[in-house]
Protein backbone atom coordinates (compact mmCIF):
# COMPACT_ATOMS: atom_id res chain seq x y z
CA MET A 1 54.56 8.82 -22.08
CA ARG A 2 51.82 6.31 -21.17
CA THR A 3 48.69 7.77 -19.58
CA GLN A 4 47.84 6.02 -16.34
CA GLU A 5 44.47 4.24 -16.37
CA PRO A 6 42.00 5.59 -13.79
CA ARG A 7 41.61 3.35 -10.76
CA GLU A 8 38.26 1.70 -10.21
CA SER A 9 36.55 2.09 -6.88
CA LEU A 10 33.81 -0.48 -6.30
CA THR A 11 31.36 -0.32 -3.40
CA ILE A 12 29.22 -3.32 -2.39
CA VAL A 13 26.02 -2.72 -0.36
CA ASP A 14 24.81 -4.84 1.59
CA ALA A 15 27.94 -6.99 1.73
CA ALA A 16 26.98 -9.20 4.68
CA SER A 17 24.92 -11.70 2.65
CA ALA A 18 26.26 -14.81 0.89
CA LEU A 19 26.09 -13.02 -2.46
CA GLY A 20 27.48 -9.77 -1.05
CA ASP A 21 30.39 -11.60 0.52
CA ALA A 22 31.16 -13.33 -2.78
CA LEU A 23 30.98 -10.00 -4.62
CA VAL A 24 33.51 -8.47 -2.25
CA SER A 25 36.03 -11.28 -2.65
CA GLU A 26 35.56 -11.52 -6.44
CA ALA A 27 35.91 -7.73 -6.82
CA TYR A 28 39.14 -7.79 -4.84
CA LEU A 29 40.54 -10.65 -6.93
CA ALA A 30 39.52 -8.89 -10.17
CA LEU A 31 41.03 -5.51 -9.29
CA ARG A 32 44.08 -6.48 -7.22
CA ASP A 33 46.31 -3.38 -7.39
CA ALA A 34 44.21 -1.70 -10.09
CA GLY A 35 41.45 -0.42 -7.82
CA GLU A 36 39.74 -0.28 -4.46
CA VAL A 37 36.90 -2.25 -2.90
CA LYS A 38 34.62 -1.06 -0.11
CA ALA A 39 32.15 -3.33 1.69
CA LEU A 40 29.23 -1.66 3.47
CA SER A 41 26.59 -3.33 5.62
CA ALA A 42 23.83 -2.43 8.03
CA GLN A 43 25.19 -5.32 10.09
CA PRO A 44 28.97 -4.73 10.01
CA ASP A 45 29.57 -7.45 12.62
CA ARG A 46 28.48 -10.00 10.02
CA LEU A 47 31.00 -8.88 7.39
CA THR A 48 33.67 -11.43 6.47
CA ARG A 49 37.10 -9.77 6.54
CA PHE A 50 38.57 -11.18 3.31
CA SER A 51 41.59 -8.87 3.09
CA ARG A 52 43.09 -5.87 4.89
CA ALA A 53 43.18 -4.11 1.52
CA ILE A 54 39.36 -3.99 1.54
CA THR A 55 37.55 -1.25 3.45
CA TYR A 56 34.79 -2.62 5.70
CA GLU A 57 32.30 -0.16 7.18
CA ALA A 58 28.81 0.14 8.61
CA ILE A 59 26.30 1.94 6.42
CA PRO A 60 26.23 5.47 7.92
CA GLU A 61 22.97 6.52 9.53
CA SER A 62 22.90 10.06 8.11
CA LEU A 63 22.50 10.80 4.42
CA GLU A 64 25.43 13.20 4.46
CA ASP A 65 27.78 10.62 5.99
CA TYR A 66 26.52 7.93 3.61
CA ALA A 67 27.27 10.20 0.64
CA LYS A 68 30.77 10.83 2.01
CA ALA A 69 31.33 7.09 2.27
CA LEU A 70 30.58 6.81 -1.46
CA THR A 71 33.10 9.47 -2.48
CA ASP A 72 35.08 8.44 -5.59
CA THR A 73 32.94 5.30 -6.10
CA SER A 74 32.93 4.40 -9.79
CA SER A 75 30.33 1.60 -9.54
CA LEU A 76 28.02 0.60 -6.72
CA PHE A 77 26.63 -2.91 -6.34
CA LEU A 78 23.37 -3.10 -4.40
CA VAL A 79 22.45 -6.56 -3.12
CA ILE A 80 18.67 -6.58 -2.71
CA GLU A 81 17.61 -9.39 -0.40
CA GLU A 82 14.23 -10.81 0.52
CA HIS A 83 14.10 -8.66 3.65
CA VAL A 84 11.62 -6.18 5.10
CA GLU A 85 14.35 -3.48 5.09
CA ALA A 86 15.18 -3.94 1.39
CA GLU A 87 13.10 -0.97 0.25
CA ALA A 88 14.53 1.35 2.92
CA LEU A 89 18.09 0.35 2.01
CA ALA A 90 17.42 1.06 -1.67
CA VAL A 91 15.98 4.50 -0.83
CA GLU A 92 18.95 5.45 1.35
CA THR A 93 21.51 4.15 -1.14
CA ILE A 94 20.02 5.89 -4.18
CA ARG A 95 19.73 9.19 -2.31
CA ALA A 96 23.34 8.93 -1.12
CA MET A 97 24.53 8.10 -4.65
CA ARG A 98 22.82 11.18 -6.06
CA ARG A 99 24.34 13.40 -3.40
CA ALA A 100 27.79 11.89 -3.92
CA GLY A 101 27.55 12.18 -7.72
CA VAL A 102 27.76 8.41 -8.27
CA SER A 103 25.78 7.37 -11.34
CA ARG A 104 26.55 3.67 -11.94
CA LEU A 105 24.31 1.21 -10.08
CA ILE A 106 24.26 -2.57 -10.52
CA ALA A 107 21.50 -4.21 -8.50
CA ALA A 108 21.10 -7.94 -7.84
CA ALA A 109 17.70 -9.14 -6.64
CA PRO A 110 15.88 -12.43 -6.02
CA LEU A 111 14.05 -13.78 -9.05
CA ASP A 112 10.90 -14.35 -7.00
CA ALA A 113 10.54 -10.61 -6.47
CA LEU A 114 9.29 -10.24 -10.07
CA GLY A 115 6.93 -13.19 -9.93
CA TYR A 116 9.06 -15.68 -11.84
CA THR A 117 9.15 -19.31 -10.77
CA VAL A 118 12.44 -21.22 -10.75
CA ASN A 119 11.72 -22.73 -14.18
CA GLY A 120 11.47 -19.28 -15.73
CA VAL A 121 7.68 -19.25 -16.21
CA ARG A 122 6.08 -16.00 -15.13
CA ASP A 123 3.05 -16.17 -12.87
CA THR A 124 0.01 -14.85 -14.76
CA GLU A 125 -0.82 -12.66 -11.76
CA ALA A 126 2.71 -11.25 -11.47
CA PRO A 127 2.75 -7.42 -11.70
CA ARG A 128 4.16 -6.04 -14.93
CA ARG A 129 6.12 -2.90 -15.74
CA GLU A 130 3.29 -1.24 -17.65
CA HIS A 131 1.18 -1.20 -14.50
CA SER A 132 1.60 1.48 -11.86
CA LEU A 133 3.68 0.71 -8.78
CA THR A 134 0.56 0.91 -6.59
CA GLU A 135 -1.35 -1.48 -8.83
CA ARG A 136 1.58 -3.88 -8.87
CA ALA A 137 1.81 -3.84 -5.08
CA LYS A 138 -1.90 -4.61 -4.77
CA LYS A 139 -1.73 -7.49 -7.27
CA ALA A 140 1.57 -8.89 -6.02
CA TRP A 141 -0.06 -11.45 -3.77
CA ALA A 142 -3.59 -11.61 -5.17
CA ASN A 143 -3.65 -15.41 -5.07
CA VAL A 144 -1.65 -15.90 -1.90
CA GLY A 145 -3.28 -16.35 1.49
CA THR A 146 -0.69 -14.40 3.48
CA PRO A 147 1.41 -11.64 1.85
CA ASN A 148 5.18 -11.91 2.23
CA PRO A 149 6.33 -8.47 3.47
CA ALA A 150 10.00 -9.30 2.80
CA LEU A 151 9.38 -10.22 -0.83
CA LEU A 152 7.17 -7.18 -1.37
CA ALA A 153 9.92 -4.95 0.07
CA ALA A 154 12.40 -6.49 -2.37
CA ARG A 155 9.99 -5.88 -5.24
CA ARG A 156 9.60 -2.23 -4.27
CA ALA A 157 13.39 -1.92 -4.07
CA ILE A 158 13.59 -3.14 -7.67
CA GLU A 159 11.08 -0.49 -8.74
CA LEU A 160 13.14 2.18 -7.00
CA VAL A 161 16.22 1.06 -8.94
CA ARG A 162 14.27 1.24 -12.19
CA CYS A 163 12.96 4.73 -11.45
CA SER A 164 16.18 6.10 -9.97
CA GLY A 165 17.39 7.92 -13.08
CA LEU A 166 20.85 6.40 -12.55
CA GLU A 167 22.83 4.27 -15.01
CA THR A 168 21.39 0.96 -13.86
CA THR A 169 21.72 -2.73 -14.54
CA LEU A 170 19.28 -5.13 -12.88
CA LEU A 171 20.29 -8.77 -12.44
CA LEU A 172 17.74 -11.27 -11.12
CA HIS A 173 18.89 -14.54 -9.62
CA PRO A 174 17.49 -17.84 -8.30
CA PRO A 175 18.37 -18.93 -4.73
CA ILE A 176 22.06 -18.52 -3.94
CA LEU A 177 24.25 -21.42 -2.85
CA VAL A 178 27.16 -20.65 -0.55
CA ALA A 179 29.11 -23.56 -2.04
CA PRO A 180 30.39 -23.25 -5.64
CA GLY A 181 27.81 -24.14 -8.25
CA PRO A 182 28.36 -27.00 -10.71
CA ALA A 183 28.23 -24.81 -13.81
CA PRO A 184 29.16 -21.31 -15.05
CA VAL A 185 26.52 -18.58 -14.95
CA THR A 186 24.97 -16.94 -17.98
CA ARG A 187 22.86 -13.80 -18.39
CA THR A 188 19.65 -13.81 -20.41
CA PRO A 189 17.31 -10.82 -20.89
CA ALA A 190 14.43 -11.01 -18.41
CA SER A 191 11.97 -10.20 -21.21
CA TYR A 192 12.62 -13.68 -22.65
CA ALA A 193 11.42 -15.35 -19.41
CA PRO A 194 14.38 -17.73 -19.52
CA THR A 195 14.75 -21.01 -17.72
CA ALA A 196 16.55 -20.46 -14.43
CA SER A 197 18.17 -23.20 -12.38
CA ALA A 198 16.76 -23.86 -8.92
CA ASP A 199 20.06 -22.84 -7.31
CA ILE A 200 23.10 -20.86 -8.37
CA GLY A 201 26.58 -20.68 -6.89
CA ALA A 202 27.50 -17.44 -5.09
CA ALA A 203 30.99 -17.12 -6.59
CA ASN A 204 29.83 -17.77 -10.15
CA ALA A 205 26.92 -15.35 -9.75
CA ALA A 206 29.28 -12.72 -8.31
CA ARG A 207 31.58 -12.92 -11.35
CA SER A 208 28.66 -12.35 -13.71
CA ILE A 209 27.37 -9.45 -11.62
CA LEU A 210 30.84 -7.93 -11.44
CA ALA A 211 31.18 -8.09 -15.23
CA ALA A 212 27.95 -6.10 -15.56
CA ARG A 213 29.72 -2.91 -14.44
CA MET A 214 30.85 -2.36 -18.04
CA PRO A 215 29.08 0.46 -19.95
CA THR A 216 27.56 -2.04 -22.41
CA SER A 217 25.35 -3.37 -19.60
CA ILE A 218 23.70 -0.04 -18.76
CA GLY A 219 19.92 -0.41 -19.04
CA ALA A 220 19.99 -4.22 -19.10
CA GLU A 221 17.60 -6.36 -17.06
CA ASP A 222 18.84 -9.94 -17.10
CA VAL A 223 18.23 -13.24 -15.35
CA LEU A 224 21.20 -15.26 -14.12
CA SER A 225 21.10 -19.00 -14.66
CA GLU A 226 23.49 -21.90 -14.97
CA SER A 227 24.68 -22.61 -18.48
């Protein structure tokens, strides 16, 4: 008698962005009848209803309700945007995951949040992992006239993912194109400071991010770029 494979349950937070929307649709196409997809957003009115088989919900305001919404989630995808609320969303999501007993976290974040330029060269003043979070925050915009609060919030969200104690994968990406990109997407370890294209297609990026839910990607920190 064949043992039935466990069904995957994928949750995408925040799913109202171009990348989040692509992740929802690609997850649905990948799982079909073999799993479930849930799309959560702080702005549920902006969610694109791709299919009735997908659950669309607002991110609950209370921690207890948020944890309940993550019940049975096998992998959570956190879309970190260049937004002043990015850090707060990461805090709430990680806390809810811990309470719900969800351990697998795949986070996608803008490449600029780690001080890389679009050609893959790291700014000499970019904060590095061996420095404390406070020191990194102070140096983040040392040579910039006006700090960018949204980018700093995204950078702090990345640090929260790194320090969460969960089974994490961090994927950094150049600017996202809503239209399909001209080439497939590859993943290269961020430590190699790879060349990254100036733009990357949302659907192609979503497929690469979705593939990162496999156990072999736990602990990876990669940059997405066109091949």
